Protein backbone atom coordinates (compact mmCIF):
# COMPACT_ATOMS: atom_id res chain seq x y z
CA MET A 1 0.00 0.00 0.00
CA ASP A 2 1.43 3.40 -0.93
CA GLU A 3 1.83 6.32 1.48
CA LYS A 4 -1.17 8.29 0.26
CA LYS A 5 -3.49 5.29 0.58
CA ARG A 6 -2.24 4.59 4.09
CA TYR A 7 -2.77 8.24 5.01
CA LYS A 8 -6.32 8.26 3.61
CA ASN A 9 -7.22 5.06 5.49
CA PHE A 10 -5.84 6.41 8.76
CA LYS A 11 -7.57 9.75 8.38
CA ASN A 12 -10.91 8.06 7.67
CA TRP A 13 -10.45 5.76 10.67
CA SER A 14 -9.55 8.64 12.98
CA LYS A 15 -12.62 10.76 12.12
CA ASN A 16 -14.73 9.10 14.79
CA LYS A 17 -11.92 8.67 17.32
CA HIS A 18 -11.25 11.12 20.12
CA PHE A 19 -8.54 10.71 22.74
CA SER A 20 -8.19 13.07 25.67
CA ILE A 21 -4.76 14.29 26.69
CA LYS A 22 -5.85 13.17 30.17
CA GLU A 23 -5.24 9.67 28.83
CA LEU A 24 -1.63 10.66 28.08
CA PHE A 25 -1.11 12.43 31.41
CA PRO A 26 -3.73 11.18 33.90
CA THR A 27 -1.92 12.72 36.88
CA VAL A 28 -1.93 16.21 35.33
CA GLU A 29 -5.74 16.50 35.23
CA LYS A 30 -5.86 19.01 32.39
CA SER A 31 -7.81 18.45 29.19
CA ALA A 32 -7.00 21.68 27.31
CA VAL A 33 -3.80 23.03 25.83
CA PHE A 34 -2.15 26.38 25.27
CA HIS A 35 -0.47 26.56 21.89
CA ILE A 36 3.14 27.70 22.02
CA ASP A 37 4.85 28.68 18.78
CA LEU A 38 8.51 27.67 18.38
CA SER A 39 8.69 28.35 14.67
CA ILE A 40 11.23 30.70 13.13
CA ASN A 41 9.03 33.68 14.02
CA ASN A 42 8.47 32.78 17.66
CA SER A 43 8.85 35.32 20.46
CA THR A 44 9.47 32.85 23.30
CA VAL A 45 13.06 31.76 22.58
CA LYS A 46 14.44 33.93 19.81
CA THR A 47 18.09 32.87 19.69
CA PHE A 48 20.18 29.70 19.71
CA ASP A 49 21.48 30.56 23.19
CA GLU A 50 17.98 31.09 24.60
CA PHE A 51 16.72 27.85 23.03
CA ASN A 52 19.56 25.82 24.50
CA ASN A 53 19.63 27.45 27.93
CA PRO A 54 17.35 25.23 30.04
CA VAL A 55 17.09 27.72 32.89
CA TYR A 56 16.01 30.51 30.55
CA PHE A 57 13.70 28.32 28.47
CA GLU A 58 12.01 26.87 31.56
CA SER A 59 11.55 30.36 33.00
CA LYS A 60 9.69 31.38 29.82
CA LEU A 61 7.55 28.25 30.00
CA ASP A 62 6.82 28.98 33.67
CA GLU A 63 5.65 32.48 32.76
CA ILE A 64 3.27 31.03 30.15
CA GLN A 65 2.08 28.32 32.54
CA GLN A 66 1.30 30.83 35.30
CA LYS A 67 -0.89 32.77 32.88
CA ASN A 68 -2.61 29.57 31.73
CA PRO A 69 -2.79 27.38 34.86
CA THR A 70 -5.55 25.08 33.58
CA LYS A 71 -3.81 24.18 30.30
CA ILE A 72 -0.86 22.11 29.12
CA ILE A 73 1.64 23.99 26.96
CA ALA A 74 1.82 22.23 23.59
CA GLY A 75 2.48 22.61 19.89
CA GLY A 76 4.81 21.77 17.11
CA TYR A 77 3.33 19.77 14.23
CA LEU A 78 4.96 20.85 10.94
CA GLU A 79 6.51 23.87 12.63
CA LYS A 80 9.61 25.15 10.87
CA ARG A 81 12.13 25.58 13.63
CA ALA A 82 15.33 27.47 12.89
CA LEU A 83 17.02 26.55 16.15
CA TYR A 84 17.98 22.94 15.38
CA THR A 85 21.74 23.33 14.98
CA SER A 86 23.13 20.04 16.30
CA ASP A 87 24.87 17.79 13.76
CA ILE A 88 22.16 15.21 14.43
CA TYR A 89 19.93 17.39 12.20
CA ASN A 90 22.26 17.46 9.20
CA SER A 91 20.95 16.26 5.85
CA LEU A 92 21.93 12.70 4.95
CA ASP A 93 23.18 14.16 1.67
CA LYS A 94 26.77 15.16 2.48
CA ASN A 95 26.70 17.69 -0.36
CA SER A 96 23.74 19.53 1.16
CA VAL A 97 23.89 22.23 3.84
CA GLU A 98 20.14 21.96 4.49
CA LYS A 99 19.19 21.20 8.08
CA ARG A 100 16.24 19.10 9.16
CA ASN A 101 13.91 21.68 10.71
CA ILE A 102 10.27 20.59 10.10
CA HIS A 103 8.85 19.07 13.31
CA LEU A 104 6.69 15.95 12.82
CA GLY A 105 5.16 15.52 16.27
CA LEU A 106 3.32 17.37 18.98
CA ASP A 107 5.30 18.52 22.02
CA PHE A 108 3.73 18.66 25.47
CA TRP A 109 5.84 20.74 27.86
CA LEU A 110 5.54 19.34 31.38
CA PRO A 111 7.93 18.86 34.34
CA GLU A 112 10.39 16.00 34.56
CA ASN A 113 9.00 12.82 36.16
CA THR A 114 5.49 13.52 34.84
CA PRO A 115 3.97 10.05 34.21
CA VAL A 116 3.18 9.23 30.57
CA HIS A 117 0.56 6.60 29.70
CA ALA A 118 -0.26 4.73 26.48
CA ILE A 119 -3.39 6.04 24.77
CA LEU A 120 -3.75 2.76 22.84
CA GLU A 121 -2.79 -0.84 23.37
CA GLY A 122 0.18 -1.87 21.30
CA GLU A 123 3.34 -3.88 20.86
CA VAL A 124 6.77 -2.51 21.71
CA VAL A 125 8.83 -2.44 18.49
CA CYS A 126 11.56 -0.05 19.66
CA THR A 127 12.74 0.92 23.14
CA LEU A 128 16.01 2.77 23.48
CA HIS A 129 17.89 5.41 25.41
CA GLN A 130 19.40 7.65 22.73
CA LYS A 131 22.37 9.52 24.16
CA GLU A 132 23.12 11.87 21.26
CA LEU A 133 22.90 15.61 21.89
CA LYS A 134 19.39 16.83 21.00
CA GLY A 135 18.19 13.30 20.33
CA TYR A 136 15.15 11.66 21.92
CA GLY A 137 16.77 10.52 25.13
CA GLY A 138 14.53 7.65 26.18
CA PHE A 139 11.91 6.74 23.59
CA ILE A 140 9.46 3.96 22.82
CA ILE A 141 7.67 3.09 19.58
CA LEU A 142 4.45 1.07 19.78
CA LYS A 143 2.81 -0.79 16.91
CA HIS A 144 -0.99 -0.74 16.70
CA LEU A 145 -3.44 -2.75 14.60
CA ILE A 146 -7.00 -1.55 15.14
CA ASP A 147 -9.93 -2.16 12.78
CA ASP A 148 -7.42 -3.38 10.16
CA VAL A 149 -5.58 -0.04 10.34
CA GLU A 150 -1.87 -0.42 11.17
CA PHE A 151 0.15 2.47 12.57
CA TYR A 152 2.78 3.34 15.16
CA THR A 153 3.10 5.88 17.97
CA LEU A 154 6.35 7.30 19.29
CA TYR A 155 6.81 8.59 22.85
CA GLY A 156 10.04 10.58 23.09
CA HIS A 157 12.13 12.26 25.83
CA LEU A 158 11.36 9.76 28.57
CA SER A 159 13.75 8.85 31.36
CA ALA A 160 16.33 6.14 30.70
CA GLU A 161 14.85 3.98 33.46
CA SER A 162 11.43 4.21 31.82
CA VAL A 163 12.44 2.69 28.51
CA LEU A 164 14.96 0.14 29.72
CA LYS A 165 12.30 -1.81 31.64
CA PHE A 166 10.53 -2.82 28.41
CA SER A 167 11.45 -5.50 25.86
CA ILE A 168 10.82 -5.74 22.12
CA GLY A 169 7.58 -7.61 21.48
CA GLU A 170 6.12 -6.77 24.89
CA HIS A 171 2.41 -5.96 24.93
CA ILE A 172 1.35 -2.60 26.38
CA LYS A 173 -2.23 -2.15 27.53
CA LYS A 174 -4.25 0.99 26.84
CA GLY A 175 -3.83 3.24 29.86
CA GLU A 176 -0.66 1.54 31.07
CA GLN A 177 2.11 3.81 32.28
CA ILE A 178 4.95 3.81 29.77
CA GLY A 179 7.30 5.89 31.87
CA VAL A 180 8.05 9.41 33.06
CA LEU A 181 9.49 12.45 31.34
CA GLY A 182 13.27 12.57 31.50
CA ASN A 183 15.37 15.39 32.88
CA TYR A 184 17.66 17.62 30.84
CA ALA A 185 20.72 15.43 31.32
CA GLU A 186 19.11 12.21 30.06
CA ASN A 187 16.57 13.33 27.44
CA GLY A 188 18.92 14.71 24.80
CA GLU A 189 19.53 17.95 26.73
CA TRP A 190 16.04 19.31 26.20
CA VAL A 191 13.78 21.11 28.63
CA PRO A 192 11.46 18.28 29.81
CA HIS A 193 8.59 17.51 27.46
CA LEU A 194 6.93 14.66 25.60
CA HIS A 195 7.37 14.36 21.85
CA PHE A 196 4.36 12.39 20.57
CA GLN A 197 4.33 11.28 16.94
CA ILE A 198 2.31 9.02 14.66
CA MET A 199 3.87 6.95 11.88
CA LEU A 200 2.02 4.92 9.28
CA SER A 201 5.22 3.07 8.33
CA LEU A 202 8.63 2.63 9.92
CA LEU A 203 10.18 2.62 6.45
CA ASP A 204 13.65 1.05 6.91
CA TYR A 205 14.30 2.44 10.39
CA LYS A 206 15.12 -0.05 13.16
CA ASN A 207 16.32 1.76 16.29
CA ASP A 208 15.36 5.32 15.44
CA PHE A 209 12.83 7.39 13.51
CA PRO A 210 13.07 11.04 12.47
CA GLY A 211 11.10 13.54 14.49
CA VAL A 212 12.37 16.42 12.36
CA VAL A 213 12.83 16.38 8.57
CA LEU A 214 14.02 18.52 5.67
CA GLU A 215 11.63 21.21 4.53
CA SER A 216 12.13 20.08 0.93
CA GLU A 217 10.68 16.66 1.87
CA THR A 218 7.67 17.90 3.86
CA GLU A 219 4.99 16.57 1.49
CA PHE A 220 6.43 13.06 1.61
CA TRP A 221 6.66 13.03 5.41
CA LYS A 222 3.15 14.42 5.92
CA ASN A 223 1.81 11.18 4.42
CA ILE A 224 4.05 9.05 6.63
CA CYS A 225 3.50 11.02 9.85
CA PRO A 226 -0.03 12.43 10.08
CA ASN A 227 -0.96 15.15 12.53
CA PRO A 228 -1.37 13.68 16.05
CA ASN A 229 -4.27 16.08 16.50
CA LEU A 230 -6.31 13.77 14.29
CA LEU A 231 -6.56 11.71 17.49
CA PHE A 232 -6.80 14.44 20.12
CA LYS A 233 -8.87 17.04 18.23
CA LEU A 234 -7.53 19.82 20.42
CA LYS A 235 -9.20 23.18 19.94
CA GLY A 236 -7.05 25.75 18.21
CA PHE A 237 -4.86 23.10 16.58
CA LYS A 238 -5.08 21.99 12.98
CA GLU A 239 -5.98 18.39 12.16
CA ASN A 240 -4.25 18.11 8.79
């Protein structure tokens, strides 16, 4: 089945599905989100130094959170982010200077140790602590087959302890705790957050999957990684 057919099938299946973010974070007890923009035009962290200074970045998030105490700070799908400068985001084409800067998931900015739960039952197909700078840190990929629709979900930036307790092929129940958000030192040196992503194919990836891609390849990746908001249907967020 080609990418466009997979995308169409998933989108049709998801029309009548609605998952609350309370299912992702049952201990947080918030069902609404505040959209934060981290695109190239954002006003929250405007420079490389601000983006990579966890104390500064967290202080800005705290300011936003205090103004929106009943919401989870979130955003990110297909945002063009100019602040990805680590070599991990280089193009695979050695002759290209283009950086991967289009974000394929939704980010939920919450404190370290926040419990993260599976919104769907699934099979563990990848569980790894990625130690590269600005990588995922701890991440898990689950495979789902529901109503003859096959897809995958990725939970990134978990603690190392979270992911190392699972084995490939292990079955995860809907609502089961997958782990907790990792701290700066173990989650790729990011301010704590969950990167949640949907994939309709793992392509040829085994122990990794891109969460950020080249802008020139956006149309291809949109069909592989649909908007997670197709599941959550969060107000103020696009679903395509």
